[in-house]
Amino acid sequence: MCDFRRSSRIVSSAALHVVGAGLALLLAACVAPIPIKDQAPKVAYSASSKIALVVVDARPILKEKKKPPTYIGVAHTVFGIPSDMQVYPWVALKEEKNLTLAQELEQRIADALQASGASVVRVDAEAHVDPTSAMRAAQGLGADRIMVITLNEWSVNINLNWVGSFDFDWGYTVDIVDNAGTHVSSFKDSGQDVIKEHGSDSPRNMITAAWRARLEKLFERPEVSQALSLPVKSARRSDSIP
């Protein structure tokens, strides 16, 4: 009897994931997705000529609840039962289906910086394991600026049974250094955005727009715009990363 109950729970959980993924595809199919070229945030200034960019996923939920790096939150589907959401198919388009959350965000940020005039270089995937490894790997790329964004939280909680609003919890640590390893800017921020839903739009587009708006706010911060748009200056080695 116990084995039967345990098996039933496993089947039910698997069934919910299938239902959630199927529903995501169905809802997305009803509305044209935001084109990839329009998913990147807008950077309203000319960035440094060469920027090394790294997004590291350090969300505690990945280890504490053993979520995959593609995890982006929870959707309440049939009877309000929660189902885990993944980057694909909830947000990413088919050509991006193998990307993790960190890779998806890194690509969008890279597109934004390139549109602002910067040449963006990326570190190898192995160096994304933690911020320290990422920073050290990026220092060998010859960039004018190195930008490491560490995700501490990035998830949505949406109820698909009615149109109202959904929560987008976010948190990140940003470190920007120059070509000598001197810290130009470093800060940590977090919060919750309550996103108003529109019945005429799809969850994919609304989540995509919410992510884009949050990243735009990050790049609008004075310490970020000043760090990325200032001309490169010689660094003082005393402030350098050891």
Protein backbone atom coordinates (compact mmCIF):
# COMPACT_ATOMS: atom_id res chain seq x y z
CA MET A 1 0.00 0.00 0.00
CA CYS A 2 2.81 2.39 0.92
CA ASP A 3 4.57 1.68 -2.38
CA PHE A 4 1.36 2.39 -4.26
CA ARG A 5 0.89 5.74 -2.51
CA ARG A 6 4.47 6.72 -3.11
CA SER A 7 4.17 5.78 -6.79
CA SER A 8 0.94 7.74 -7.04
CA ARG A 9 2.61 10.84 -5.68
CA ILE A 10 5.46 10.48 -8.17
CA VAL A 11 3.06 10.04 -11.06
CA SER A 12 0.96 12.98 -9.88
CA SER A 13 4.02 15.21 -9.62
CA ALA A 14 5.23 14.18 -13.06
CA ALA A 15 1.75 14.70 -14.48
CA LEU A 16 1.62 18.22 -13.05
CA HIS A 17 4.92 19.11 -14.71
CA VAL A 18 3.61 17.82 -18.02
CA VAL A 19 0.37 19.76 -17.60
CA GLY A 20 2.28 22.91 -16.66
CA ALA A 21 4.61 22.68 -19.65
CA GLY A 22 1.73 21.91 -21.99
CA LEU A 23 -0.26 24.83 -20.65
CA ALA A 24 2.71 27.15 -21.11
CA LEU A 25 2.97 26.16 -24.75
CA LEU A 26 -0.78 26.50 -25.25
CA LEU A 27 -0.96 29.96 -23.69
CA ALA A 28 2.13 31.14 -25.56
CA ALA A 29 0.73 29.89 -28.86
CA CYS A 30 -2.30 32.19 -28.54
CA VAL A 31 -0.20 35.40 -28.58
CA ALA A 32 2.82 36.30 -30.71
CA PRO A 33 5.96 36.22 -28.51
CA ILE A 34 8.15 39.25 -28.04
CA PRO A 35 10.90 38.88 -30.68
CA ILE A 36 14.35 38.03 -29.31
CA LYS A 37 15.71 41.35 -30.59
CA ASP A 38 13.19 43.21 -28.39
CA GLN A 39 13.74 41.13 -25.25
CA ALA A 40 17.00 42.83 -24.27
CA PRO A 41 16.88 45.81 -21.89
CA LYS A 42 17.62 49.27 -23.28
CA VAL A 43 20.88 50.89 -22.18
CA ALA A 44 20.54 54.65 -22.56
CA TYR A 45 24.26 55.47 -22.78
CA SER A 46 27.34 54.43 -24.73
CA ALA A 47 29.16 51.73 -22.82
CA SER A 48 32.90 51.08 -22.52
CA SER A 49 34.50 49.67 -25.64
CA LYS A 50 35.09 46.13 -24.31
CA ILE A 51 33.17 44.54 -21.45
CA ALA A 52 33.60 41.05 -20.00
CA LEU A 53 30.19 39.90 -18.79
CA VAL A 54 29.31 37.05 -16.45
CA VAL A 55 26.00 36.09 -14.82
CA VAL A 56 26.37 33.58 -11.98
CA ASP A 57 23.35 31.75 -10.57
CA ALA A 58 23.81 31.53 -6.80
CA ARG A 59 20.15 31.21 -5.82
CA PRO A 60 19.91 29.21 -2.55
CA ILE A 61 16.87 27.30 -3.83
CA LEU A 62 19.04 25.43 -6.34
CA LYS A 63 20.85 23.65 -3.51
CA GLU A 64 18.27 23.77 -0.74
CA LYS A 65 15.42 22.36 -2.84
CA LYS A 66 17.54 20.83 -5.61
CA LYS A 67 15.99 22.90 -8.37
CA PRO A 68 17.62 22.83 -11.82
CA PRO A 69 19.42 25.94 -13.13
CA THR A 70 16.52 26.40 -15.57
CA TYR A 71 14.06 26.97 -12.69
CA ILE A 72 12.27 30.35 -12.80
CA GLY A 73 9.38 30.02 -10.34
CA VAL A 74 5.94 28.54 -9.80
CA ALA A 75 2.74 28.57 -11.83
CA HIS A 76 -0.56 27.69 -10.14
CA THR A 77 -2.50 25.66 -12.68
CA VAL A 78 -5.48 23.31 -12.24
CA PHE A 79 -7.19 23.84 -8.85
CA GLY A 80 -4.38 26.24 -7.93
CA ILE A 81 -1.85 23.41 -7.63
CA PRO A 82 1.71 24.77 -8.00
CA SER A 83 3.93 23.52 -10.80
CA ASP A 84 7.59 24.41 -11.31
CA MET A 85 8.35 26.69 -14.24
CA GLN A 86 11.47 26.37 -16.40
CA VAL A 87 13.11 28.88 -18.73
CA TYR A 88 11.73 26.87 -21.65
CA PRO A 89 8.90 26.81 -22.55
CA TRP A 90 7.68 29.50 -20.14
CA VAL A 91 10.00 32.28 -21.36
CA ALA A 92 12.67 31.16 -23.83
CA LEU A 93 11.82 30.62 -27.47
CA LYS A 94 12.52 27.30 -29.15
CA GLU A 95 15.96 28.36 -30.41
CA GLU A 96 16.95 29.07 -26.77
CA LYS A 97 15.43 25.93 -25.24
CA ASN A 98 18.73 24.60 -23.83
CA LEU A 99 19.70 27.78 -21.96
CA THR A 100 19.76 28.02 -18.17
CA LEU A 101 18.38 31.11 -16.44
CA ALA A 102 21.88 32.60 -16.04
CA GLN A 103 22.65 31.99 -19.72
CA GLU A 104 19.32 33.46 -20.81
CA LEU A 105 19.86 36.65 -18.79
CA GLU A 106 23.52 36.90 -19.80
CA GLN A 107 22.54 36.74 -23.46
CA ARG A 108 19.95 39.49 -23.07
CA ILE A 109 22.37 41.72 -21.18
CA ALA A 110 25.09 41.08 -23.77
CA ASP A 111 22.67 42.09 -26.54
CA ALA A 112 21.85 45.29 -24.63
CA LEU A 113 25.51 46.25 -24.13
CA GLN A 114 26.37 45.48 -27.74
CA ALA A 115 23.49 47.69 -28.87
CA SER A 116 25.01 50.49 -26.77
CA GLY A 117 28.31 50.21 -28.64
CA ALA A 118 30.30 47.81 -26.48
CA SER A 119 32.14 44.69 -27.56
CA VAL A 120 31.07 41.97 -25.12
CA VAL A 121 33.23 38.96 -24.25
CA ARG A 122 32.10 35.98 -22.16
CA VAL A 123 34.00 33.56 -19.93
CA ASP A 124 33.91 29.78 -20.32
CA ALA A 125 30.96 27.96 -18.77
CA GLU A 126 33.20 26.29 -16.17
CA ALA A 127 34.03 29.68 -14.66
CA HIS A 128 30.38 30.39 -13.86
CA VAL A 129 30.50 28.16 -10.78
CA ASP A 130 30.95 31.10 -8.38
CA PRO A 131 31.62 34.88 -8.52
CA THR A 132 35.30 34.58 -7.56
CA SER A 133 36.06 32.06 -10.30
CA ALA A 134 34.12 34.14 -12.80
CA MET A 135 35.98 37.32 -11.90
CA ARG A 136 39.40 35.70 -12.16
CA ALA A 137 38.57 34.12 -15.51
CA ALA A 138 37.25 37.42 -16.85
CA GLN A 139 40.45 39.25 -15.87
CA GLY A 140 42.32 37.34 -18.56
CA LEU A 141 40.08 38.56 -21.39
CA GLY A 142 41.63 42.01 -21.80
CA ALA A 143 38.40 43.91 -21.21
CA ASP A 144 38.12 47.57 -20.17
CA ARG A 145 35.42 46.63 -17.68
CA ILE A 146 34.41 43.35 -16.06
CA MET A 147 30.80 43.02 -14.92
CA VAL A 148 29.82 40.08 -12.73
CA ILE A 149 26.15 39.77 -11.81
CA THR A 150 25.38 37.17 -9.14
CA LEU A 151 21.75 36.10 -8.89
CA ASN A 152 20.60 35.66 -5.30
CA GLU A 153 16.91 35.44 -6.22
CA TRP A 154 15.02 35.41 -9.51
CA SER A 155 11.59 33.78 -9.57
CA VAL A 156 7.98 34.44 -10.43
CA ASN A 157 4.78 33.22 -8.80
CA ILE A 158 1.81 33.35 -11.14
CA ASN A 159 -1.75 32.03 -10.89
CA LEU A 160 -3.16 31.02 -14.25
CA ASN A 161 -6.73 30.65 -13.00
CA TRP A 162 -7.48 34.36 -13.16
CA VAL A 163 -6.12 37.65 -14.48
CA GLY A 164 -4.81 39.91 -11.73
CA SER A 165 -1.13 40.32 -10.92
CA PHE A 166 1.87 38.12 -10.27
CA ASP A 167 4.93 38.45 -8.06
CA PHE A 168 8.45 38.67 -9.38
CA ASP A 169 11.05 38.28 -6.62
CA TRP A 170 14.55 39.34 -7.55
CA GLY A 171 17.92 39.89 -5.93
CA TYR A 172 21.46 40.26 -7.22
CA THR A 173 24.97 41.37 -6.36
CA VAL A 174 26.82 43.41 -8.97
CA ASP A 175 30.60 43.84 -9.15
CA ILE A 176 32.26 45.98 -11.80
CA VAL A 177 36.05 46.27 -12.02
CA ASP A 178 38.46 47.83 -14.49
CA ASN A 179 41.22 46.20 -16.54
CA ALA A 180 43.64 46.28 -13.58
CA GLY A 181 41.21 44.63 -11.19
CA THR A 182 40.24 47.80 -9.33
CA HIS A 183 36.68 47.83 -8.06
CA VAL A 184 34.73 50.56 -9.83
CA SER A 185 31.32 49.66 -8.40
CA SER A 186 29.90 47.01 -6.10
CA PHE A 187 26.41 46.73 -4.64
CA LYS A 188 23.65 44.34 -3.64
CA ASP A 189 19.94 44.87 -4.23
CA SER A 190 16.72 42.89 -3.93
CA GLY A 191 12.96 43.34 -3.94
CA GLN A 192 9.63 42.21 -5.30
CA ASP A 193 7.90 43.60 -8.37
CA VAL A 194 4.14 43.13 -8.53
CA ILE A 195 3.29 42.82 -12.21
CA LYS A 196 -0.19 43.70 -13.43
CA GLU A 197 -1.50 41.08 -15.82
CA HIS A 198 -3.35 41.67 -19.08
CA GLY A 199 -5.85 39.14 -20.37
CA SER A 200 -4.85 39.90 -23.95
CA ASP A 201 -1.21 38.96 -23.35
CA SER A 202 0.57 35.68 -22.63
CA PRO A 203 2.45 34.75 -19.42
CA ARG A 204 5.60 34.42 -21.53
CA ASN A 205 5.40 38.01 -22.76
CA MET A 206 4.47 39.42 -19.37
CA ILE A 207 7.35 37.64 -17.64
CA THR A 208 9.74 38.65 -20.43
CA ALA A 209 8.66 42.29 -20.08
CA ALA A 210 9.06 42.14 -16.29
CA TRP A 211 12.60 40.77 -16.61
CA ARG A 212 13.49 43.40 -19.20
CA ALA A 213 12.15 46.22 -17.00
CA ARG A 214 14.10 44.98 -13.97
CA LEU A 215 17.35 44.79 -15.96
CA GLU A 216 16.76 48.28 -17.32
CA LYS A 217 16.46 49.57 -13.75
CA LEU A 218 19.78 47.89 -12.96
CA PHE A 219 21.52 49.69 -15.84
CA GLU A 220 19.87 52.99 -14.94
CA ARG A 221 21.54 53.02 -11.52
CA PRO A 222 24.09 55.88 -11.39
CA GLU A 223 26.89 53.64 -10.13
CA VAL A 224 26.37 51.28 -13.07
CA SER A 225 26.05 53.94 -15.78
CA GLN A 226 29.10 55.78 -14.44
CA ALA A 227 31.16 52.59 -14.20
CA LEU A 228 30.33 51.39 -17.68
CA SER A 229 30.32 54.68 -19.58
CA LEU A 230 33.36 56.40 -18.07
CA PRO A 231 36.55 56.34 -20.16
CA VAL A 232 39.09 53.78 -19.00
CA LYS A 233 41.58 55.15 -16.46
CA SER A 234 44.73 53.66 -15.04
CA ALA A 235 44.02 51.79 -11.83
CA ARG A 236 45.74 51.97 -8.50
CA ARG A 237 47.20 48.55 -7.81
CA SER A 238 46.55 48.97 -4.06
CA ASP A 239 42.81 48.64 -4.75
CA SER A 240 43.23 45.64 -7.03
CA ILE A 241 41.82 42.17 -6.51
CA PRO A 242 44.59 39.96 -5.10
